[in-house]
Amino acid sequence: MDVNIRGKNVGITDRFENYVESKTEKVAGLLPKAQAFEVKVTRQSDRSPQNGDRVEITLIGPGPVIRAESAGGDKYTAFDMAYGRVLERIRRMKDRKHDRRGRGRVSLADAAANDFGTIDVTPARLEVLDSVATGSVPIVGEGQGDEQYTPIVIRSKEFPAERLSVEEAVDQMELVGHDFFLFIETETGRPSVVYRRKGWNYGVITLTEE
């Protein structure tokens, strides 16, 4: 596994490189096929070093990419916190794979046909989906005056669409540390979202055309 460390507005010492490399031995043991362990260290303010550093870790392997980041008083503290999150996400991924062994997978179409009862999912209300589809949710754009002020701010991002099964989408969501994950369901070709509920329970929302 290749270890790549780079700094922005902060020097990377041999001591820090050795510290990071010693920690990656545990990652290599958990994921023997991992290809690269990338670390980016950013000094949050040149003029005020006491503001601390931010560390971003990206673990690249044959499967989904695992990412984590954290800030601390120095790069060692920030790295340790981000590193702990990476280990937790690896363990969650391995626990989920172990828990699925011997179980039959339920497709999104089958789950929807049974009112999502088999996977403990409550679909979003129709009026919620309609409000999103019709754009009735107010959006604050640049250049609007104070008289049009609204406390609701919606930011938009675009990502390449991925075709995944529901379980693969849950794995991706856990690995990147988000509370939801947007994807295209493999069997139906429909836009869908998985989201985290309590414990190990997850939900699925899918869009259909009547």
N, C-alpha and C. Protein backbone atom coordinates (compact mmCIF):
# COMPACT_ATOMS: atom_id res chain seq x y z
N MET A 1 0.84 -1.19 0.00
CA MET A 1 0.00 0.00 0.00
C MET A 1 0.88 1.24 0.00
N ASP A 2 0.67 2.12 -0.97
CA ASP A 2 1.43 3.36 -1.06
C ASP A 2 0.92 4.37 -0.03
N VAL A 3 1.84 5.09 0.61
CA VAL A 3 1.50 6.13 1.58
C VAL A 3 1.95 7.47 1.00
N ASN A 4 1.01 8.37 0.79
CA ASN A 4 1.31 9.70 0.23
C ASN A 4 0.90 10.77 1.22
N ILE A 5 1.82 11.65 1.56
CA ILE A 5 1.56 12.71 2.53
C ILE A 5 1.93 14.05 1.90
N ARG A 6 1.03 15.00 1.94
CA ARG A 6 1.35 16.33 1.41
C ARG A 6 0.81 17.40 2.36
N GLY A 7 1.48 18.52 2.38
CA GLY A 7 1.10 19.61 3.27
C GLY A 7 0.75 20.87 2.51
N LYS A 8 -0.16 21.66 3.06
CA LYS A 8 -0.53 22.96 2.51
C LYS A 8 -0.34 23.99 3.61
N ASN A 9 0.58 24.90 3.39
CA ASN A 9 0.92 25.94 4.36
C ASN A 9 1.52 25.36 5.64
N VAL A 10 2.03 24.15 5.57
CA VAL A 10 2.65 23.53 6.74
C VAL A 10 3.69 22.53 6.25
N GLY A 11 4.82 22.45 6.96
CA GLY A 11 5.88 21.52 6.58
C GLY A 11 5.59 20.11 7.08
N ILE A 12 6.01 19.13 6.29
CA ILE A 12 5.85 17.72 6.65
C ILE A 12 7.23 17.19 7.04
N THR A 13 7.40 16.89 8.31
CA THR A 13 8.69 16.44 8.81
C THR A 13 8.84 14.93 8.66
N ASP A 14 10.09 14.46 8.74
CA ASP A 14 10.34 13.01 8.71
C ASP A 14 9.66 12.32 9.88
N ARG A 15 9.62 13.00 11.01
CA ARG A 15 8.99 12.42 12.20
C ARG A 15 7.50 12.16 11.96
N PHE A 16 6.83 13.12 11.32
CA PHE A 16 5.40 12.94 11.05
C PHE A 16 5.20 11.84 10.00
N GLU A 17 6.06 11.79 8.98
CA GLU A 17 5.95 10.73 7.98
C GLU A 17 6.09 9.35 8.62
N ASN A 18 7.07 9.21 9.51
CA ASN A 18 7.27 7.92 10.19
C ASN A 18 6.08 7.58 11.07
N TYR A 19 5.49 8.61 11.70
CA TYR A 19 4.32 8.38 12.56
C TYR A 19 3.14 7.87 11.75
N VAL A 20 2.90 8.50 10.59
CA VAL A 20 1.79 8.08 9.73
C VAL A 20 2.02 6.66 9.22
N GLU A 21 3.23 6.38 8.75
CA GLU A 21 3.52 5.06 8.19
C GLU A 21 3.36 3.96 9.24
N SER A 22 3.70 4.26 10.50
CA SER A 22 3.53 3.25 11.54
C SER A 22 2.05 2.94 11.79
N LYS A 23 1.20 3.94 11.59
CA LYS A 23 -0.24 3.74 11.79
C LYS A 23 -0.88 2.96 10.65
N THR A 24 -0.29 3.06 9.46
CA THR A 24 -0.92 2.39 8.31
C THR A 24 -0.77 0.88 8.36
N GLU A 25 0.09 0.37 9.22
CA GLU A 25 0.23 -1.09 9.33
C GLU A 25 -1.08 -1.74 9.76
N LYS A 26 -1.82 -1.08 10.64
CA LYS A 26 -3.09 -1.62 11.09
C LYS A 26 -4.12 -1.62 9.95
N VAL A 27 -4.11 -0.55 9.15
CA VAL A 27 -5.02 -0.47 8.01
C VAL A 27 -4.71 -1.58 7.01
N ALA A 28 -3.42 -1.79 6.75
CA ALA A 28 -3.03 -2.85 5.81
C ALA A 28 -3.47 -4.22 6.32
N GLY A 29 -3.48 -4.41 7.64
CA GLY A 29 -3.94 -5.68 8.20
C GLY A 29 -5.44 -5.87 8.04
N LEU A 30 -6.21 -4.77 8.18
CA LEU A 30 -7.66 -4.86 8.03
C LEU A 30 -8.08 -4.96 6.57
N LEU A 31 -7.36 -4.23 5.69
CA LEU A 31 -7.67 -4.24 4.26
C LEU A 31 -6.39 -4.55 3.48
N PRO A 32 -6.05 -5.83 3.35
CA PRO A 32 -4.79 -6.20 2.69
C PRO A 32 -4.70 -5.75 1.24
N LYS A 33 -5.84 -5.55 0.58
CA LYS A 33 -5.83 -5.18 -0.83
C LYS A 33 -5.87 -3.66 -1.05
N ALA A 34 -5.79 -2.89 0.02
CA ALA A 34 -5.80 -1.44 -0.12
C ALA A 34 -4.60 -0.99 -0.95
N GLN A 35 -4.82 -0.01 -1.81
CA GLN A 35 -3.78 0.41 -2.76
C GLN A 35 -3.03 1.67 -2.33
N ALA A 36 -3.73 2.62 -1.71
CA ALA A 36 -3.08 3.89 -1.35
C ALA A 36 -3.72 4.48 -0.11
N PHE A 37 -2.87 5.08 0.72
CA PHE A 37 -3.31 5.78 1.94
C PHE A 37 -2.80 7.21 1.78
N GLU A 38 -3.72 8.14 1.47
CA GLU A 38 -3.33 9.52 1.19
C GLU A 38 -3.70 10.43 2.36
N VAL A 39 -2.75 11.28 2.74
CA VAL A 39 -2.94 12.20 3.86
C VAL A 39 -2.64 13.62 3.39
N LYS A 40 -3.58 14.53 3.63
CA LYS A 40 -3.37 15.94 3.31
C LYS A 40 -3.47 16.75 4.60
N VAL A 41 -2.43 17.52 4.90
CA VAL A 41 -2.38 18.33 6.11
C VAL A 41 -2.47 19.80 5.71
N THR A 42 -3.39 20.54 6.32
CA THR A 42 -3.57 21.96 5.99
C THR A 42 -3.48 22.78 7.27
N ARG A 43 -2.60 23.79 7.28
CA ARG A 43 -2.54 24.74 8.38
C ARG A 43 -3.70 25.71 8.21
N GLN A 44 -4.57 25.81 9.23
CA GLN A 44 -5.81 26.57 9.07
C GLN A 44 -5.59 28.07 9.03
N SER A 45 -4.45 28.57 9.51
CA SER A 45 -4.15 30.00 9.41
C SER A 45 -2.65 30.19 9.53
N ASP A 46 -2.05 30.83 8.52
CA ASP A 46 -0.61 31.09 8.56
C ASP A 46 -0.24 32.04 9.70
N ARG A 47 -1.08 33.04 9.91
CA ARG A 47 -0.76 34.06 10.91
C ARG A 47 -1.05 33.59 12.33
N SER A 48 -1.91 32.61 12.47
CA SER A 48 -2.27 32.14 13.82
C SER A 48 -2.13 30.63 13.88
N PRO A 49 -0.91 30.11 14.00
CA PRO A 49 -0.71 28.66 14.03
C PRO A 49 -1.46 27.98 15.17
N GLN A 50 -1.81 28.75 16.22
CA GLN A 50 -2.53 28.15 17.33
C GLN A 50 -3.93 27.69 16.93
N ASN A 51 -4.41 28.15 15.76
CA ASN A 51 -5.71 27.69 15.29
C ASN A 51 -5.69 26.22 14.89
N GLY A 52 -4.50 25.68 14.72
CA GLY A 52 -4.39 24.25 14.50
C GLY A 52 -4.34 23.83 13.04
N ASP A 53 -4.36 22.52 12.85
CA ASP A 53 -4.25 21.92 11.52
C ASP A 53 -5.46 21.06 11.23
N ARG A 54 -5.70 20.87 9.94
CA ARG A 54 -6.75 19.96 9.47
C ARG A 54 -6.11 18.84 8.67
N VAL A 55 -6.53 17.61 8.96
CA VAL A 55 -5.99 16.44 8.26
C VAL A 55 -7.12 15.73 7.53
N GLU A 56 -6.91 15.46 6.25
CA GLU A 56 -7.85 14.70 5.43
C GLU A 56 -7.19 13.39 5.02
N ILE A 57 -7.86 12.28 5.26
CA ILE A 57 -7.33 10.95 4.91
C ILE A 57 -8.23 10.33 3.85
N THR A 58 -7.61 9.80 2.81
CA THR A 58 -8.33 9.09 1.76
C THR A 58 -7.69 7.72 1.59
N LEU A 59 -8.48 6.67 1.77
CA LEU A 59 -8.00 5.30 1.62
C LEU A 59 -8.58 4.73 0.34
N ILE A 60 -7.69 4.38 -0.60
CA ILE A 60 -8.10 3.90 -1.91
C ILE A 60 -7.81 2.41 -2.02
N GLY A 61 -8.80 1.66 -2.43
CA GLY A 61 -8.63 0.22 -2.61
C GLY A 61 -9.41 -0.27 -3.79
N PRO A 62 -9.53 -1.58 -3.93
CA PRO A 62 -10.33 -2.12 -5.04
C PRO A 62 -11.82 -1.86 -4.88
N GLY A 63 -12.25 -1.55 -3.66
CA GLY A 63 -13.66 -1.26 -3.39
C GLY A 63 -13.91 0.22 -3.27
N PRO A 64 -14.95 0.61 -2.53
CA PRO A 64 -15.28 2.04 -2.36
C PRO A 64 -14.16 2.80 -1.65
N VAL A 65 -14.05 4.08 -1.96
CA VAL A 65 -13.06 4.95 -1.33
C VAL A 65 -13.55 5.31 0.08
N ILE A 66 -12.62 5.28 1.04
CA ILE A 66 -12.94 5.65 2.42
C ILE A 66 -12.28 7.00 2.71
N ARG A 67 -13.09 7.95 3.22
CA ARG A 67 -12.55 9.28 3.52
C ARG A 67 -12.91 9.68 4.95
N ALA A 68 -12.03 10.48 5.55
CA ALA A 68 -12.30 11.05 6.87
C ALA A 68 -11.43 12.28 7.04
N GLU A 69 -11.90 13.22 7.83
CA GLU A 69 -11.11 14.42 8.10
C GLU A 69 -11.40 14.91 9.51
N SER A 70 -10.45 15.67 10.05
CA SER A 70 -10.63 16.21 11.40
C SER A 70 -9.65 17.36 11.59
N ALA A 71 -9.95 18.21 12.57
CA ALA A 71 -9.08 19.34 12.90
C ALA A 71 -8.64 19.21 14.35
N GLY A 72 -7.43 19.67 14.62
CA GLY A 72 -6.90 19.61 15.97
C GLY A 72 -5.88 20.69 16.21
N GLY A 73 -5.36 20.74 17.43
CA GLY A 73 -4.38 21.76 17.79
C GLY A 73 -3.09 21.64 17.01
N ASP A 74 -2.76 20.42 16.56
CA ASP A 74 -1.59 20.21 15.71
C ASP A 74 -1.88 19.05 14.78
N LYS A 75 -0.97 18.78 13.86
CA LYS A 75 -1.24 17.76 12.84
C LYS A 75 -1.31 16.36 13.42
N TYR A 76 -0.62 16.11 14.53
CA TYR A 76 -0.67 14.78 15.14
C TYR A 76 -2.04 14.52 15.75
N THR A 77 -2.58 15.50 16.45
CA THR A 77 -3.91 15.36 17.05
C THR A 77 -4.97 15.21 15.98
N ALA A 78 -4.88 16.05 14.95
CA ALA A 78 -5.86 15.99 13.87
C ALA A 78 -5.78 14.66 13.13
N PHE A 79 -4.57 14.17 12.90
CA PHE A 79 -4.41 12.88 12.22
C PHE A 79 -5.00 11.75 13.04
N ASP A 80 -4.73 11.73 14.34
CA ASP A 80 -5.24 10.65 15.18
C ASP A 80 -6.77 10.59 15.15
N MET A 81 -7.44 11.73 15.17
CA MET A 81 -8.90 11.74 15.15
C MET A 81 -9.44 11.26 13.80
N ALA A 82 -8.83 11.75 12.71
CA ALA A 82 -9.26 11.30 11.39
C ALA A 82 -8.96 9.82 11.18
N TYR A 83 -7.81 9.38 11.67
CA TYR A 83 -7.42 7.98 11.56
C TYR A 83 -8.39 7.07 12.31
N GLY A 84 -8.83 7.51 13.49
CA GLY A 84 -9.81 6.74 14.24
C GLY A 84 -11.12 6.59 13.48
N ARG A 85 -11.53 7.64 12.77
CA ARG A 85 -12.76 7.56 11.98
C ARG A 85 -12.60 6.59 10.81
N VAL A 86 -11.41 6.58 10.20
CA VAL A 86 -11.16 5.63 9.11
C VAL A 86 -11.29 4.19 9.62
N LEU A 87 -10.67 3.91 10.77
CA LEU A 87 -10.75 2.55 11.34
C LEU A 87 -12.19 2.17 11.65
N GLU A 88 -12.96 3.11 12.19
CA GLU A 88 -14.36 2.83 12.52
C GLU A 88 -15.15 2.50 11.25
N ARG A 89 -14.91 3.22 10.17
CA ARG A 89 -15.65 2.97 8.94
C ARG A 89 -15.23 1.64 8.30
N ILE A 90 -13.97 1.28 8.45
CA ILE A 90 -13.53 -0.03 7.97
C ILE A 90 -14.24 -1.14 8.75
N ARG A 91 -14.31 -0.97 10.07
CA ARG A 91 -14.95 -2.00 10.91
C ARG A 91 -16.43 -2.10 10.61
N ARG A 92 -17.08 -0.97 10.41
CA ARG A 92 -18.51 -0.99 10.08
C ARG A 92 -18.76 -1.70 8.75
N MET A 93 -17.88 -1.45 7.79
CA MET A 93 -18.00 -2.11 6.49
C MET A 93 -17.83 -3.62 6.64
N LYS A 94 -16.83 -4.03 7.41
CA LYS A 94 -16.58 -5.47 7.58
C LYS A 94 -17.69 -6.12 8.38
N ASP A 95 -18.23 -5.41 9.38
CA ASP A 95 -19.35 -5.95 10.16
C ASP A 95 -20.58 -6.15 9.30
N ARG A 96 -20.84 -5.20 8.41
CA ARG A 96 -22.00 -5.32 7.53
C ARG A 96 -21.84 -6.49 6.58
N LYS A 97 -20.65 -6.67 6.03
CA LYS A 97 -20.42 -7.79 5.12
C LYS A 97 -20.58 -9.12 5.84
N HIS A 98 -20.08 -9.18 7.08
CA HIS A 98 -20.21 -10.40 7.86
C HIS A 98 -21.67 -10.68 8.20
N ASP A 99 -22.41 -9.63 8.53
CA ASP A 99 -23.82 -9.79 8.91
C ASP A 99 -24.67 -10.24 7.73
N ARG A 100 -24.25 -9.91 6.50
CA ARG A 100 -25.04 -10.25 5.32
C ARG A 100 -24.81 -11.68 4.84
N ARG A 101 -23.78 -12.34 5.34
CA ARG A 101 -23.48 -13.68 4.86
C ARG A 101 -24.64 -14.63 5.14
N GLY A 102 -25.00 -15.38 4.14
CA GLY A 102 -26.09 -16.35 4.30
C GLY A 102 -27.47 -15.75 4.13
N ARG A 103 -27.55 -14.46 3.87
CA ARG A 103 -28.85 -13.81 3.70
C ARG A 103 -29.11 -13.53 2.23
N GLY A 104 -30.36 -13.64 1.84
CA GLY A 104 -30.74 -13.28 0.48
C GLY A 104 -30.91 -11.77 0.37
N ARG A 105 -30.47 -11.20 -0.73
CA ARG A 105 -30.58 -9.76 -0.92
C ARG A 105 -31.97 -9.40 -1.44
N VAL A 106 -32.49 -8.28 -0.98
CA VAL A 106 -33.80 -7.80 -1.40
C VAL A 106 -33.60 -6.61 -2.33
N SER A 107 -34.11 -6.71 -3.55
CA SER A 107 -33.97 -5.61 -4.50
C SER A 107 -34.90 -4.47 -4.10
N LEU A 108 -34.61 -3.28 -4.60
CA LEU A 108 -35.45 -2.12 -4.30
C LEU A 108 -36.86 -2.32 -4.83
N ALA A 109 -36.98 -2.95 -6.02
CA ALA A 109 -38.31 -3.18 -6.59
C ALA A 109 -39.14 -4.11 -5.70
N ASP A 110 -38.52 -5.20 -5.21
CA ASP A 110 -39.24 -6.12 -4.33
C ASP A 110 -39.62 -5.45 -3.01
N ALA A 111 -38.70 -4.63 -2.48
CA ALA A 111 -38.99 -3.94 -1.22
C ALA A 111 -40.16 -2.98 -1.40
N ALA A 112 -40.18 -2.26 -2.54
CA ALA A 112 -41.27 -1.32 -2.79
C ALA A 112 -42.60 -2.04 -2.97
N ALA A 113 -42.56 -3.22 -3.60
CA ALA A 113 -43.79 -3.98 -3.82
C ALA A 113 -44.42 -4.43 -2.52
N ASN A 114 -43.59 -4.55 -1.46
CA ASN A 114 -44.09 -4.96 -0.15
C ASN A 114 -44.16 -3.80 0.83
N ASP A 115 -44.30 -2.59 0.29
CA ASP A 115 -44.39 -1.38 1.13
C ASP A 115 -43.17 -1.22 2.03
N PHE A 116 -42.00 -1.69 1.58
CA PHE A 116 -40.75 -1.58 2.31
C PHE A 116 -40.79 -2.25 3.67
N GLY A 117 -41.77 -3.12 3.90
CA GLY A 117 -41.89 -3.77 5.20
C GLY A 117 -40.74 -4.72 5.48
N THR A 118 -40.14 -5.29 4.44
CA THR A 118 -39.08 -6.27 4.64
C THR A 118 -37.76 -5.64 5.05
N ILE A 119 -37.58 -4.32 4.82
CA ILE A 119 -36.30 -3.68 5.16
C ILE A 119 -36.49 -2.51 6.12
N ASP A 120 -37.65 -2.44 6.77
CA ASP A 120 -37.89 -1.43 7.79
C ASP A 120 -37.65 -0.02 7.26
N VAL A 121 -38.35 0.32 6.17
CA VAL A 121 -38.21 1.63 5.55
C VAL A 121 -39.58 2.29 5.43
N THR A 122 -39.64 3.55 5.79
CA THR A 122 -40.86 4.32 5.62
C THR A 122 -40.68 5.29 4.45
N PRO A 123 -41.41 5.10 3.34
CA PRO A 123 -41.24 5.98 2.18
C PRO A 123 -41.62 7.42 2.53
N ALA A 124 -41.02 8.36 1.83
CA ALA A 124 -41.37 9.77 2.02
C ALA A 124 -42.80 10.02 1.56
N ARG A 125 -43.47 10.98 2.19
CA ARG A 125 -44.84 11.31 1.80
C ARG A 125 -44.86 11.87 0.39
N LEU A 126 -45.98 11.64 -0.32
CA LEU A 126 -46.09 12.07 -1.71
C LEU A 126 -45.94 13.58 -1.85
N GLU A 127 -46.49 14.33 -0.89
CA GLU A 127 -46.41 15.79 -0.99
C GLU A 127 -44.97 16.28 -0.86
N VAL A 128 -44.12 15.55 -0.10
CA VAL A 128 -42.72 15.92 0.03
C VAL A 128 -41.99 15.73 -1.29
N LEU A 129 -42.22 14.58 -1.94
CA LEU A 129 -41.58 14.32 -3.23
C LEU A 129 -42.07 15.30 -4.29
N ASP A 130 -43.38 15.63 -4.25
CA ASP A 130 -43.93 16.59 -5.22
C ASP A 130 -43.30 17.96 -5.06
N SER A 131 -43.10 18.39 -3.80
CA SER A 131 -42.54 19.72 -3.57
C SER A 131 -41.11 19.82 -4.09
N VAL A 132 -40.35 18.71 -3.99
CA VAL A 132 -38.99 18.70 -4.51
C VAL A 132 -39.00 18.66 -6.03
N ALA A 133 -39.88 17.82 -6.60
CA ALA A 133 -39.92 17.65 -8.06
C ALA A 133 -40.40 18.92 -8.76
N THR A 134 -41.32 19.65 -8.15
CA THR A 134 -41.87 20.85 -8.79
C THR A 134 -41.10 22.12 -8.47
N GLY A 135 -40.12 22.00 -7.56
CA GLY A 135 -39.31 23.17 -7.22
C GLY A 135 -40.03 24.16 -6.35
N SER A 136 -41.04 23.71 -5.59
CA SER A 136 -41.81 24.63 -4.76
C SER A 136 -41.08 25.00 -3.48
N VAL A 137 -39.96 24.31 -3.17
CA VAL A 137 -39.17 24.68 -2.00
C VAL A 137 -38.38 25.94 -2.34
N PRO A 138 -38.50 27.02 -1.55
CA PRO A 138 -37.81 28.28 -1.88
C PRO A 138 -36.31 28.12 -1.86
N ILE A 139 -35.64 28.74 -2.83
CA ILE A 139 -34.19 28.70 -2.93
C ILE A 139 -33.67 30.13 -2.90
N VAL A 140 -32.64 30.36 -2.11
CA VAL A 140 -32.03 31.68 -2.03
C VAL A 140 -30.91 31.74 -3.06
N GLY A 141 -30.99 32.65 -4.00
CA GLY A 141 -29.96 32.79 -5.02
C GLY A 141 -29.10 34.01 -4.75
N GLU A 142 -28.00 34.09 -5.47
CA GLU A 142 -27.10 35.22 -5.30
C GLU A 142 -27.73 36.47 -5.88
N GLY A 143 -27.48 37.62 -5.23
CA GLY A 143 -27.95 38.89 -5.75
C GLY A 143 -29.36 39.26 -5.32
N GLN A 144 -30.02 38.46 -4.46
CA GLN A 144 -31.36 38.80 -4.02
C GLN A 144 -31.29 39.82 -2.90
N GLY A 145 -32.24 40.71 -2.85
CA GLY A 145 -32.25 41.77 -1.86
C GLY A 145 -32.77 41.30 -0.52
N ASP A 146 -32.65 42.21 0.49
CA ASP A 146 -33.10 41.87 1.84
C ASP A 146 -34.60 41.63 1.89
N GLU A 147 -35.38 42.30 1.00
CA GLU A 147 -36.82 42.14 1.04
C GLU A 147 -37.25 40.74 0.64
N GLN A 148 -36.36 39.98 0.02
CA GLN A 148 -36.67 38.61 -0.36
C GLN A 148 -36.00 37.60 0.56
N TYR A 149 -35.59 38.06 1.72
CA TYR A 149 -34.86 37.18 2.64
C TYR A 149 -35.72 36.00 3.08
N THR A 150 -35.10 34.86 3.18
CA THR A 150 -35.72 33.66 3.76
C THR A 150 -34.64 32.90 4.51
N PRO A 151 -34.96 32.29 5.65
CA PRO A 151 -33.94 31.56 6.42
C PRO A 151 -33.53 30.25 5.77
N ILE A 152 -34.27 29.84 4.73
CA ILE A 152 -33.96 28.57 4.07
C ILE A 152 -32.91 28.79 3.00
N VAL A 153 -31.80 28.07 3.10
CA VAL A 153 -30.73 28.16 2.11
C VAL A 153 -30.48 26.76 1.57
N ILE A 154 -30.56 26.62 0.25
CA ILE A 154 -30.31 25.33 -0.39
C ILE A 154 -29.11 25.46 -1.30
N ARG A 155 -28.09 24.65 -1.05
CA ARG A 155 -26.90 24.64 -1.89
C ARG A 155 -26.95 23.40 -2.78
N SER A 156 -26.50 23.54 -4.00
CA SER A 156 -26.56 22.42 -4.94
C SER A 156 -25.17 21.94 -5.32
N LYS A 157 -25.04 20.63 -5.54
CA LYS A 157 -23.80 20.02 -6.00
C LYS A 157 -24.16 18.97 -7.04
N GLU A 158 -23.23 18.71 -7.93
CA GLU A 158 -23.43 17.68 -8.94
C GLU A 158 -22.33 16.63 -8.83
N PHE A 159 -22.73 15.35 -8.90
CA PHE A 159 -21.80 14.25 -8.85
C PHE A 159 -22.13 13.27 -9.97
N PRO A 160 -21.15 12.53 -10.47
CA PRO A 160 -21.44 11.50 -11.47
C PRO A 160 -22.40 10.45 -10.90
N ALA A 161 -23.40 10.05 -11.69
CA ALA A 161 -24.37 9.05 -11.23
C ALA A 161 -23.72 7.68 -11.15
N GLU A 162 -24.02 6.95 -10.06
CA GLU A 162 -23.51 5.59 -9.89
C GLU A 162 -24.67 4.62 -9.85
N ARG A 163 -24.53 3.51 -10.56
CA ARG A 163 -25.54 2.46 -10.55
C ARG A 163 -25.13 1.42 -9.51
N LEU A 164 -25.92 1.30 -8.44
CA LEU A 164 -25.59 0.43 -7.32
C LEU A 164 -26.84 -0.28 -6.83
N SER A 165 -26.63 -1.39 -6.13
CA SER A 165 -27.73 -1.99 -5.39
C SER A 165 -27.93 -1.20 -4.10
N VAL A 166 -29.03 -1.46 -3.39
CA VAL A 166 -29.29 -0.74 -2.15
C VAL A 166 -28.18 -0.98 -1.14
N GLU A 167 -27.75 -2.22 -1.00
CA GLU A 167 -26.72 -2.53 -0.01
C GLU A 167 -25.38 -1.91 -0.39
N GLU A 168 -25.06 -1.88 -1.68
CA GLU A 168 -23.82 -1.23 -2.11
C GLU A 168 -23.87 0.27 -1.82
N ALA A 169 -25.04 0.88 -1.99
CA ALA A 169 -25.19 2.31 -1.70
C ALA A 169 -25.01 2.59 -0.21
N VAL A 170 -25.54 1.68 0.64
CA VAL A 170 -25.36 1.83 2.09
C VAL A 170 -23.88 1.75 2.44
N ASP A 171 -23.16 0.81 1.83
CA ASP A 171 -21.73 0.69 2.07
C ASP A 171 -21.00 1.97 1.69
N GLN A 172 -21.34 2.54 0.53
CA GLN A 172 -20.72 3.78 0.09
C GLN A 172 -21.00 4.91 1.08
N MET A 173 -22.24 5.00 1.54
CA MET A 173 -22.63 6.04 2.48
C MET A 173 -21.81 5.94 3.77
N GLU A 174 -21.66 4.72 4.29
CA GLU A 174 -20.92 4.52 5.53
C GLU A 174 -19.45 4.86 5.35
N LEU A 175 -18.88 4.50 4.19
CA LEU A 175 -17.46 4.71 3.98
C LEU A 175 -17.10 6.18 3.85
N VAL A 176 -17.98 6.99 3.28
CA VAL A 176 -17.68 8.42 3.16
C VAL A 176 -18.17 9.21 4.38
N GLY A 177 -18.89 8.53 5.30
CA GLY A 177 -19.29 9.18 6.54
C GLY A 177 -20.46 10.13 6.42
N HIS A 178 -21.31 9.96 5.43
CA HIS A 178 -22.47 10.82 5.27
C HIS A 178 -23.71 10.18 5.88
N ASP A 179 -24.79 10.97 6.03
CA ASP A 179 -26.05 10.46 6.55
C ASP A 179 -26.98 9.99 5.44
N PHE A 180 -26.62 10.26 4.19
CA PHE A 180 -27.45 9.81 3.06
C PHE A 180 -26.56 9.62 1.85
N PHE A 181 -27.08 8.93 0.83
CA PHE A 181 -26.30 8.70 -0.39
C PHE A 181 -27.26 8.57 -1.56
N LEU A 182 -27.04 9.39 -2.60
CA LEU A 182 -27.88 9.40 -3.79
C LEU A 182 -27.27 8.50 -4.86
N PHE A 183 -28.10 7.67 -5.51
CA PHE A 183 -27.57 6.74 -6.50
C PHE A 183 -28.68 6.33 -7.46
N ILE A 184 -28.31 5.57 -8.50
CA ILE A 184 -29.27 4.96 -9.42
C ILE A 184 -29.37 3.48 -9.08
N GLU A 185 -30.58 3.02 -8.73
CA GLU A 185 -30.75 1.61 -8.36
C GLU A 185 -30.55 0.72 -9.58
N THR A 186 -29.73 -0.32 -9.43
CA THR A 186 -29.29 -1.13 -10.56
C THR A 186 -30.45 -1.77 -11.31
N GLU A 187 -31.35 -2.42 -10.59
CA GLU A 187 -32.39 -3.22 -11.24
C GLU A 187 -33.47 -2.35 -11.88
N THR A 188 -33.85 -1.26 -11.23
CA THR A 188 -34.97 -0.44 -11.72
C THR A 188 -34.51 0.75 -12.56
N GLY A 189 -33.25 1.19 -12.37
CA GLY A 189 -32.77 2.37 -13.07
C GLY A 189 -33.36 3.66 -12.54
N ARG A 190 -33.95 3.63 -11.32
CA ARG A 190 -34.60 4.82 -10.76
C ARG A 190 -33.67 5.57 -9.81
N PRO A 191 -33.75 6.92 -9.78
CA PRO A 191 -33.00 7.68 -8.78
C PRO A 191 -33.49 7.32 -7.38
N SER A 192 -32.56 7.04 -6.48
CA SER A 192 -32.92 6.62 -5.13
C SER A 192 -31.94 7.22 -4.13
N VAL A 193 -32.37 7.24 -2.87
CA VAL A 193 -31.53 7.74 -1.77
C VAL A 193 -31.61 6.77 -0.61
N VAL A 194 -30.47 6.36 -0.08
CA VAL A 194 -30.45 5.62 1.17
C VAL A 194 -30.05 6.59 2.27
N TYR A 195 -30.57 6.38 3.47
CA TYR A 195 -30.25 7.27 4.58
C TYR A 195 -30.18 6.47 5.88
N ARG A 196 -29.45 7.03 6.85
CA ARG A 196 -29.22 6.34 8.12
C ARG A 196 -30.36 6.61 9.09
N ARG A 197 -30.84 5.54 9.74
CA ARG A 197 -31.81 5.68 10.82
C ARG A 197 -31.11 5.33 12.13
N LYS A 198 -31.81 4.82 13.10
CA LYS A 198 -31.19 4.49 14.39
C LYS A 198 -30.45 3.16 14.28
N GLY A 199 -29.29 3.11 14.97
CA GLY A 199 -28.52 1.87 15.01
C GLY A 199 -28.05 1.46 13.63
N TRP A 200 -28.34 0.19 13.28
CA TRP A 200 -27.97 -0.34 11.98
C TRP A 200 -29.15 -0.34 11.02
N ASN A 201 -30.15 0.47 11.27
CA ASN A 201 -31.32 0.54 10.38
C ASN A 201 -31.11 1.65 9.35
N TYR A 202 -31.56 1.37 8.14
CA TYR A 202 -31.41 2.32 7.05
C TYR A 202 -32.73 2.48 6.31
N GLY A 203 -32.88 3.59 5.62
CA GLY A 203 -34.07 3.86 4.84
C GLY A 203 -33.74 4.04 3.38
N VAL A 204 -34.75 3.88 2.53
CA VAL A 204 -34.59 4.07 1.09
C VAL A 204 -35.75 4.92 0.57
N ILE A 205 -35.43 5.93 -0.21
CA ILE A 205 -36.45 6.73 -0.90
C ILE A 205 -36.17 6.61 -2.39
N THR A 206 -37.20 6.36 -3.19
CA THR A 206 -37.02 6.24 -4.63
C THR A 206 -38.06 7.07 -5.36
N LEU A 207 -37.73 7.58 -6.53
CA LEU A 207 -38.65 8.37 -7.34
C LEU A 207 -39.21 7.50 -8.46
N THR A 208 -40.53 7.61 -8.69
CA THR A 208 -41.18 6.88 -9.78
C THR A 208 -42.00 7.86 -10.59
N GLU A 209 -42.22 7.52 -11.84
CA GLU A 209 -43.05 8.33 -12.71
C GLU A 209 -44.39 7.63 -12.90
N GLU A 210 -45.49 8.36 -12.62
CA GLU A 210 -46.81 7.77 -12.76
C GLU A 210 -47.25 7.79 -14.23
